[in-house]
C-alpha atoms as a PDB file:
ATOM      1  CA  MET A   1     -20.675   5.667  -4.694  1.00  0.00           C
ATOM      2  CA  ASN A   2     -17.809   7.459  -6.596  1.00  0.00           C
ATOM      3  CA  TYR A   3     -18.588  10.958  -5.179  1.00  0.00           C
ATOM      4  CA  PRO A   4     -15.656  13.207  -4.373  1.00  0.00           C
ATOM      5  CA  GLY A   5     -17.389  14.639  -1.056  1.00  0.00           C
ATOM      6  CA  PHE A   6     -16.865  11.028   0.466  1.00  0.00           C
ATOM      7  CA  GLN A   7     -12.902  11.367   0.249  1.00  0.00           C
ATOM      8  CA  ASN A   8     -13.351  14.316   2.581  1.00  0.00           C
ATOM      9  CA  LEU A   9     -14.754  12.080   5.225  1.00  0.00           C
ATOM     10  CA  THR A  10     -12.319  11.206   8.357  1.00  0.00           C
ATOM     11  CA  ASP A  11     -11.412   7.805   8.765  1.00  0.00           C
ATOM     12  CA  LEU A  12     -13.808   7.403  11.856  1.00  0.00           C
ATOM     13  CA  GLU A  13     -16.768   9.096   9.805  1.00  0.00           C
ATOM     14  CA  LEU A  14     -16.275   6.325   7.208  1.00  0.00           C
ATOM     15  CA  LEU A  15     -15.927   3.583   9.969  1.00  0.00           C
ATOM     16  CA  GLN A  16     -19.135   4.592  11.625  1.00  0.00           C
ATOM     17  CA  ARG A  17     -21.027   4.756   8.190  1.00  0.00           C
ATOM     18  CA  TYR A  18     -20.011   1.261   7.591  1.00  0.00           C
ATOM     19  CA  LYS A  19     -21.031   0.060  11.120  1.00  0.00           C
ATOM     20  CA  THR A  20     -24.616   1.715  10.454  1.00  0.00           C
ATOM     21  CA  ASP A  21     -25.304   0.280   7.122  1.00  0.00           C
ATOM     22  CA  GLY A  22     -22.988  -2.520   6.376  1.00  0.00           C
ATOM     23  CA  ASN A  23     -21.774  -1.079   3.027  1.00  0.00           C
ATOM     24  CA  SER A  24     -18.287  -2.276   2.232  1.00  0.00           C
ATOM     25  CA  GLU A  25     -17.774   0.632  -0.088  1.00  0.00           C
ATOM     26  CA  TRP A  26     -17.040   2.961   3.050  1.00  0.00           C
ATOM     27  CA  ILE A  27     -14.482   0.365   4.070  1.00  0.00           C
ATOM     28  CA  GLY A  28     -13.182   0.467   0.307  1.00  0.00           C
ATOM     29  CA  ILE A  29     -12.593   4.239   0.505  1.00  0.00           C
ATOM     30  CA  LEU A  30     -10.590   3.527   3.753  1.00  0.00           C
ATOM     31  CA  PHE A  31      -8.758   0.852   2.491  1.00  0.00           C
ATOM     32  CA  ASP A  32      -7.749   2.918  -0.753  1.00  0.00           C
ATOM     33  CA  ARG A  33      -6.241   5.542   1.541  1.00  0.00           C
ATOM     34  CA  TYR A  34      -3.919   2.905   3.007  1.00  0.00           C
ATOM     35  CA  ALA A  35      -3.300   0.419   0.305  1.00  0.00           C
ATOM     36  CA  ILE A  36       0.229   1.659  -0.536  1.00  0.00           C
ATOM     37  CA  LEU A  37       1.151   1.651   3.139  1.00  0.00           C
ATOM     38  CA  LEU A  38      -0.221  -2.064   3.444  1.00  0.00           C
ATOM     39  CA  LEU A  39       1.542  -3.167   0.389  1.00  0.00           C
ATOM     40  CA  GLY A  40       4.868  -1.512   1.725  1.00  0.00           C
ATOM     41  CA  LEU A  41       4.506  -3.243   5.008  1.00  0.00           C
ATOM     42  CA  CYS A  42       3.535  -6.469   3.262  1.00  0.00           C
ATOM     43  CA  MET A  43       6.560  -6.397   1.298  1.00  0.00           C
ATOM     44  CA  LYS A  44       8.736  -5.441   4.208  1.00  0.00           C
ATOM     45  CA  TYR A  45       7.787  -8.455   5.879  1.00  0.00           C
ATOM     46  CA  LEU A  46       6.981 -11.128   3.135  1.00  0.00           C
ATOM     47  CA  LYS A  47       9.456 -12.370   0.608  1.00  0.00           C
ATOM     48  CA  HIS A  48       7.498 -12.408  -2.718  1.00  0.00           C
ATOM     49  CA  GLU A  49       5.638  -9.448  -4.305  1.00  0.00           C
ATOM     50  CA  GLU A  50       2.723 -11.703  -5.027  1.00  0.00           C
ATOM     51  CA  ASP A  51       2.394 -12.806  -1.391  1.00  0.00           C
ATOM     52  CA  ALA A  52       2.361  -9.185  -0.319  1.00  0.00           C
ATOM     53  CA  ARG A  53      -0.430  -8.473  -2.959  1.00  0.00           C
ATOM     54  CA  ASP A  54      -2.483 -11.671  -2.058  1.00  0.00           C
ATOM     55  CA  SER A  55      -1.833 -10.624   1.937  1.00  0.00           C
ATOM     56  CA  VAL A  56      -3.093  -6.980   1.284  1.00  0.00           C
ATOM     57  CA  GLN A  57      -6.377  -8.632  -0.174  1.00  0.00           C
ATOM     58  CA  HIS A  58      -6.637 -11.090   2.904  1.00  0.00           C
ATOM     59  CA  ILE A  59      -6.346  -8.000   5.083  1.00  0.00           C
ATOM     60  CA  PHE A  60      -9.147  -6.144   3.468  1.00  0.00           C
ATOM     61  CA  LEU A  61     -11.479  -9.384   3.927  1.00  0.00           C
ATOM     62  CA  LYS A  62     -10.246  -9.550   7.784  1.00  0.00           C
ATOM     63  CA  VAL A  63     -10.989  -5.830   8.155  1.00  0.00           C
ATOM     64  CA  LEU A  64     -14.545  -6.422   6.762  1.00  0.00           C
ATOM     65  CA  SER A  65     -15.217  -9.178   9.107  1.00  0.00           C
ATOM     66  CA  GLU A  66     -13.209  -8.074  12.142  1.00  0.00           C
ATOM     67  CA  VAL A  67     -13.821  -4.274  12.413  1.00  0.00           C
ATOM     68  CA  HIS A  68     -17.560  -4.670  14.132  1.00  0.00           C
ATOM     69  CA  LYS A  69     -15.786  -6.556  16.959  1.00  0.00           C
ATOM     70  CA  HIS A  70     -13.294  -3.550  17.800  1.00  0.00           C
ATOM     71  CA  GLU A  71     -13.793   0.084  19.090  1.00  0.00           C
ATOM     72  CA  VAL A  72     -11.336   1.402  16.335  1.00  0.00           C
ATOM     73  CA  GLN A  73     -10.307   5.102  17.176  1.00  0.00           C
ATOM     74  CA  HIS A  74      -7.374   5.428  15.068  1.00  0.00           C
ATOM     75  CA  PHE A  75      -8.010   3.420  11.870  1.00  0.00           C
ATOM     76  CA  LYS A  76      -4.370   3.858  10.520  1.00  0.00           C
ATOM     77  CA  ALA A  77      -2.749   2.407  13.511  1.00  0.00           C
ATOM     78  CA  TRP A  78      -5.361  -0.347  13.869  1.00  0.00           C
ATOM     79  CA  ILE A  79      -4.893  -1.611  10.446  1.00  0.00           C
ATOM     80  CA  TYR A  80      -1.140  -1.279  10.327  1.00  0.00           C
ATOM     81  CA  GLN A  81      -1.418  -3.602  13.475  1.00  0.00           C
ATOM     82  CA  VAL A  82      -3.568  -6.299  11.625  1.00  0.00           C
ATOM     83  CA  ALA A  83      -1.497  -6.249   8.792  1.00  0.00           C
ATOM     84  CA  LYS A  84       1.716  -6.599  10.751  1.00  0.00           C
ATOM     85  CA  ASN A  85      -0.093  -9.465  12.657  1.00  0.00           C
ATOM     86  CA  HIS A  86      -1.161 -11.374   9.418  1.00  0.00           C
ATOM     87  CA  CYS A  87       2.489 -10.886   7.928  1.00  0.00           C
ATOM     88  CA  LEU A  88       4.026 -12.397  11.080  1.00  0.00           C
ATOM     89  CA  MET A  89       1.527 -15.384  10.950  1.00  0.00           C
ATOM     90  CA  GLN A  90       2.220 -16.022   7.436  1.00  0.00           C
ATOM     91  CA  LEU A  91       5.947 -15.935   8.197  1.00  0.00           C
ATOM     92  CA  ARG A  92       5.468 -18.488  11.148  1.00  0.00           C
ATOM     93  CA  LYS A  93       3.613 -20.895   8.948  1.00  0.00           C
ATOM     94  CA  THR A  94       6.506 -20.837   6.287  1.00  0.00           C
ATOM     95  CA  ASN A  95       9.400 -20.845   8.745  1.00  0.00           C
ATOM     96  CA  THR A  96       7.453 -23.948  10.670  1.00  0.00           C
ATOM     97  CA  ARG A  97       6.859 -25.550   7.357  1.00  0.00           C
ATOM     98  CA  TYR A  98      10.456 -25.138   5.935  1.00  0.00           C
ATOM     99  CA  ALA A  99      11.920 -26.215   9.505  1.00  0.00           C
ATOM    100  CA  LYS A 100       9.853 -29.158   9.367  1.00  0.00           C
ATOM    101  CA  GLU A 101      11.128 -29.972   5.761  1.00  0.00           C
ATOM    102  CA  LEU A 102      14.872 -29.253   6.886  1.00  0.00           C
ATOM    103  CA  ASP A 103      14.256 -31.633   9.720  1.00  0.00           C
ATOM    104  CA  GLU A 104      13.028 -34.421   7.480  1.00  0.00           C
ATOM    105  CA  THR A 105      15.884 -34.091   5.085  1.00  0.00           C
ATOM    106  CA  THR A 106      18.833 -33.571   7.595  1.00  0.00           C
ATOM    107  CA  MET A 107      17.561 -35.109  10.571  1.00  0.00           C
ATOM    108  CA  GLY A 108      17.530 -31.717  12.615  1.00  0.00           C
ATOM    109  CA  GLY A 109      21.193 -31.006  12.012  1.00  0.00           C
ATOM    110  CA  ALA A 110      21.173 -27.841  10.041  1.00  0.00           C
ATOM    111  CA  SER A 111      17.781 -26.406  10.470  1.00  0.00           C
ATOM    112  CA  GLU A 112      18.532 -23.419  13.174  1.00  0.00           C
ATOM    113  CA  PRO A 113      21.633 -22.201  11.197  1.00  0.00           C
ATOM    114  CA  GLU A 114      19.620 -22.468   7.801  1.00  0.00           C
ATOM    115  CA  LEU A 115      16.477 -20.609   9.388  1.00  0.00           C
ATOM    116  CA  GLU A 116      18.934 -17.696  10.586  1.00  0.00           C
ATOM    117  CA  LYS A 117      20.572 -17.481   7.159  1.00  0.00           C
ATOM    118  CA  GLU A 118      16.964 -17.504   5.526  1.00  0.00           C
ATOM    119  CA  ALA A 119      15.976 -14.667   7.843  1.00  0.00           C
ATOM    120  CA  LYS A 120      19.001 -12.721   7.161  1.00  0.00           C
ATOM    121  CA  ALA A 121      18.128 -12.926   3.399  1.00  0.00           C
ATOM    122  CA  GLU A 122      14.828 -12.174   3.929  1.00  0.00           C
ATOM    123  CA  LYS A 123      15.633  -9.004   5.957  1.00  0.00           C
ATOM    124  CA  GLU A 124      17.859  -8.081   2.914  1.00  0.00           C
ATOM    125  CA  HIS A 125      15.056  -8.564   0.595  1.00  0.00           C
ATOM    126  CA  LYS A 126      13.005  -6.369   2.541  1.00  0.00           C
ATOM    127  CA  ASP A 127      15.397  -3.703   2.825  1.00  0.00           C
ATOM    128  CA  LEU A 128      15.885  -3.707  -1.044  1.00  0.00           C
ATOM    129  CA  MET A 129      11.979  -3.546  -1.772  1.00  0.00           C
ATOM    130  CA  LEU A 130      11.660  -0.569   0.335  1.00  0.00           C
ATOM    131  CA  GLU A 131      14.708   0.896  -1.525  1.00  0.00           C
ATOM    132  CA  ASN A 132      12.900  -0.106  -4.828  1.00  0.00           C
ATOM    133  CA  MET A 133       9.797   1.630  -3.700  1.00  0.00           C
ATOM    134  CA  GLN A 134      11.736   4.990  -2.994  1.00  0.00           C
ATOM    135  CA  ASP A 135      13.489   4.776  -6.288  1.00  0.00           C
ATOM    136  CA  ALA A 136      10.130   3.624  -8.088  1.00  0.00           C
ATOM    137  CA  MET A 137       8.486   6.985  -6.721  1.00  0.00           C
ATOM    138  CA  SER A 138      11.431   9.076  -7.779  1.00  0.00           C
ATOM    139  CA  MET A 139      10.644   7.631 -11.306  1.00  0.00           C
ATOM    140  CA  LEU A 140       7.082   8.761 -11.452  1.00  0.00           C
ATOM    141  CA  ASN A 141       6.367  11.920 -13.657  1.00  0.00           C
ATOM    142  CA  ALA A 142       5.945  15.119 -11.323  1.00  0.00           C
ATOM    143  CA  GLU A 143       2.364  15.207 -11.409  1.00  0.00           C
ATOM    144  CA  GLN A 144       1.971  11.404 -10.443  1.00  0.00           C
ATOM    145  CA  GLN A 145       4.532  11.931  -7.934  1.00  0.00           C
ATOM    146  CA  THR A 146       2.942  14.906  -6.334  1.00  0.00           C
ATOM    147  CA  CYS A 147      -0.645  13.267  -6.535  1.00  0.00           C
ATOM    148  CA  VAL A 148       0.412   9.776  -5.064  1.00  0.00           C
ATOM    149  CA  LYS A 149       2.390  11.325  -2.299  1.00  0.00           C
ATOM    150  CA  GLN A 150      -0.316  13.600  -1.185  1.00  0.00           C
ATOM    151  CA  PHE A 151      -3.103  10.923  -1.439  1.00  0.00           C
ATOM    152  CA  TYR A 152      -1.237   8.069   0.218  1.00  0.00           C
ATOM    153  CA  LEU A 153       1.481   9.553   2.467  1.00  0.00           C
ATOM    154  CA  ASP A 154      -0.205  12.975   3.355  1.00  0.00           C
ATOM    155  CA  LYS A 155      -3.697  11.191   3.307  1.00  0.00           C
ATOM    156  CA  ARG A 156      -5.166  14.220   1.461  1.00  0.00           C
ATOM    157  CA  SER A 157      -8.453  14.118  -0.288  1.00  0.00           C
ATOM    158  CA  TYR A 158      -8.763  14.252  -4.115  1.00  0.00           C
ATOM    159  CA  GLN A 159     -10.343  17.476  -3.766  1.00  0.00           C
ATOM    160  CA  GLU A 160      -7.610  18.781  -1.554  1.00  0.00           C
ATOM    161  CA  ILE A 161      -4.748  17.748  -3.826  1.00  0.00           C
ATOM    162  CA  ALA A 162      -6.871  19.505  -6.778  1.00  0.00           C
ATOM    163  CA  ASP A 163      -7.146  22.545  -4.709  1.00  0.00           C
ATOM    164  CA  ASP A 164      -3.376  22.437  -3.607  1.00  0.00           C
ATOM    165  CA  THR A 165      -1.976  21.528  -7.005  1.00  0.00           C
ATOM    166  CA  GLY A 166      -4.520  23.321  -9.192  1.00  0.00           C
ATOM    167  CA  TYR A 167      -5.079  20.247 -11.252  1.00  0.00           C
ATOM    168  CA  SER A 168      -8.673  19.249 -12.141  1.00  0.00           C
ATOM    169  CA  LEU A 169     -10.410  16.664  -9.923  1.00  0.00           C
ATOM    170  CA  SER A 170     -10.389  14.138 -12.966  1.00  0.00           C
ATOM    171  CA  HIS A 171      -6.827  14.778 -13.697  1.00  0.00           C
ATOM    172  CA  VAL A 172      -5.675  14.190  -9.643  1.00  0.00           C
ATOM    173  CA  LYS A 173      -7.752  10.664 -10.030  1.00  0.00           C
ATOM    174  CA  SER A 174      -6.062   9.847 -13.011  1.00  0.00           C
ATOM    175  CA  TYR A 175      -2.406  10.772 -11.865  1.00  0.00           C
ATOM    176  CA  ILE A 176      -3.233   8.546  -8.814  1.00  0.00           C
ATOM    177  CA  GLN A 177      -4.444   5.488 -10.651  1.00  0.00           C
ATOM    178  CA  ASN A 178      -1.524   5.761 -13.120  1.00  0.00           C
ATOM    179  CA  GLY A 179       0.818   6.625 -10.551  1.00  0.00           C
ATOM    180  CA  LYS A 180      -0.165   3.355  -8.615  1.00  0.00           C
ATOM    181  CA  ARG A 181       0.169   1.293 -12.160  1.00  0.00           C
ATOM    182  CA  ASN A 182       3.256   2.724 -12.923  1.00  0.00           C
ATOM    183  CA  LEU A 183       4.853   1.833  -9.461  1.00  0.00           C
ATOM    184  CA  LYS A 184       3.683  -1.602  -9.566  1.00  0.00           C
ATOM    185  CA  LEU A 185       5.368  -2.193 -13.067  1.00  0.00           C
ATOM    186  CA  LEU A 186       8.459  -0.457 -11.924  1.00  0.00           C
ATOM    187  CA  LEU A 187       8.637  -2.734  -8.602  1.00  0.00           C
ATOM    188  CA  GLU A 188       8.068  -5.862 -10.923  1.00  0.00           C
ATOM    189  CA  LYS A 189      10.789  -4.604 -13.234  1.00  0.00           C
ATOM    190  CA  TYR A 190      13.148  -4.160 -10.303  1.00  0.00           C
ATOM    191  CA  SER A 191      12.399  -7.639  -8.906  1.00  0.00           C
ATOM    192  CA  LYS A 192      12.956  -9.149 -12.415  1.00  0.00           C
ATOM    193  CA  ASN A 193      16.467  -7.460 -12.665  1.00  0.00           C
ATOM    194  CA  LYS A 194      17.652  -8.561  -9.232  1.00  0.00           C
ATOM    195  CA  ARG A 195      16.922 -12.207  -9.971  1.00  0.00           C
END
């Protein structure tokens, strides 16, 4: 189902097609539109990049199973909320487990201050990840930067980007794919350098 015309469908049209025929590729197209947004959100909330990637996969599966139960009018807002709720649940699990471990080792004396300290460190980590994402975007070559921004941030189709930039459709797809890969590599490099 790799037809350029499907990229021009609106979020609601893709959702309707999925609800009609159950083909998960419709959701896949939607998910591709918002993958970077979701990864950025998950990195903002979760401490580790690997946890953020795992969460994006869990969110995709949750969307596949839950979207039938909801009348979704604005997919971007809905999936953003699903992702945010998922991350908050992950943090609750982690903090509950961490608090229990602290209680067992300190008999409850240091758990609250330690959790506050961890929350502050986590917020600093999230801010750094977002800053790293901006820096990484600026390090992409001009073609990749243009295509990635238009596709993920402006929600434009491959064809719209090709029309706007004068790049061929295959070049647009290649710039987006390579841009995503390069962003991942740059973020991993930033992560290692900060340790």
